[in-house]
Amino acid sequence: MSSAPIVVHPPSRTAGRRVSVHSQGRDEILGTAYSDHDLVVFLDGAGIQDPDSMLND
């Protein structure tokens, strides 16, 4: 079983969710998403095409 390259972690105490990407053999934290918009911005920055469509995936 392979791990997902982009992970949205469970909510923290501040209600934000850490977003990380696995690339080139290591995990990189993209930031903390407090809204869908934040997540879309992180996904766009990671090179995901049409990140809005991934929110329901």
Protein backbone atom coordinates (compact mmCIF):
# COMPACT_ATOMS: atom_id res chain seq x y z
CA MET A 1 0.00 0.00 0.00
CA SER A 2 1.46 3.37 -0.97
CA SER A 3 0.94 6.57 0.98
CA ALA A 4 -0.83 9.60 -0.44
CA PRO A 5 1.57 12.29 -1.65
CA ILE A 6 -0.59 15.10 -0.17
CA VAL A 7 -1.96 14.72 3.35
CA VAL A 8 -4.49 16.94 5.13
CA HIS A 9 -3.94 16.11 8.79
CA PRO A 10 -6.64 16.03 11.52
CA PRO A 11 -7.64 19.38 13.07
CA SER A 12 -5.27 20.89 15.60
CA ARG A 13 -6.34 22.62 18.80
CA THR A 14 -6.55 25.88 16.81
CA ALA A 15 -8.95 24.17 14.36
CA GLY A 16 -6.48 24.46 11.48
CA ARG A 17 -5.32 21.41 9.55
CA ARG A 18 -1.67 20.93 8.65
CA VAL A 19 -1.13 20.15 4.98
CA SER A 20 1.95 18.23 3.88
CA VAL A 21 3.25 16.77 0.64
CA HIS A 22 5.58 13.79 0.19
CA SER A 23 8.11 14.61 -2.48
CA GLN A 24 11.58 13.29 -3.35
CA GLY A 25 11.57 10.89 -0.41
CA ARG A 26 10.67 13.38 2.29
CA ASP A 27 7.65 15.14 3.78
CA GLU A 28 7.32 18.91 3.41
CA ILE A 29 4.78 20.93 5.39
CA LEU A 30 2.97 23.33 3.07
CA GLY A 31 1.23 25.17 5.89
CA THR A 32 -1.90 25.14 8.03
CA ALA A 33 -5.25 25.42 6.29
CA TYR A 34 -8.03 27.17 8.19
CA SER A 35 -10.46 27.15 5.27
CA ASP A 36 -11.14 25.51 1.91
CA HIS A 37 -9.55 28.53 0.26
CA ASP A 38 -6.29 27.96 2.17
CA LEU A 39 -6.24 24.33 1.04
CA VAL A 40 -6.84 25.34 -2.60
CA VAL A 41 -3.92 27.79 -2.39
CA PHE A 42 -1.61 25.06 -0.99
CA LEU A 43 -2.69 22.57 -3.65
CA ASP A 44 -2.19 25.15 -6.39
CA GLY A 45 1.29 25.90 -5.03
CA ALA A 46 2.08 22.18 -5.08
CA GLY A 47 1.30 22.12 -8.82
CA ILE A 48 -2.10 20.41 -8.67
CA GLN A 49 -4.19 21.27 -11.71
CA ASP A 50 -7.71 22.48 -10.91
CA PRO A 51 -7.34 22.18 -7.11
CA ASP A 52 -10.96 23.35 -6.53
CA SER A 53 -12.24 20.09 -8.00
CA MET A 54 -10.23 18.02 -5.51
CA LEU A 55 -12.09 19.29 -2.45
CA ASN A 56 -14.89 16.78 -2.94
CA ASP A 57 -12.52 13.92 -3.78
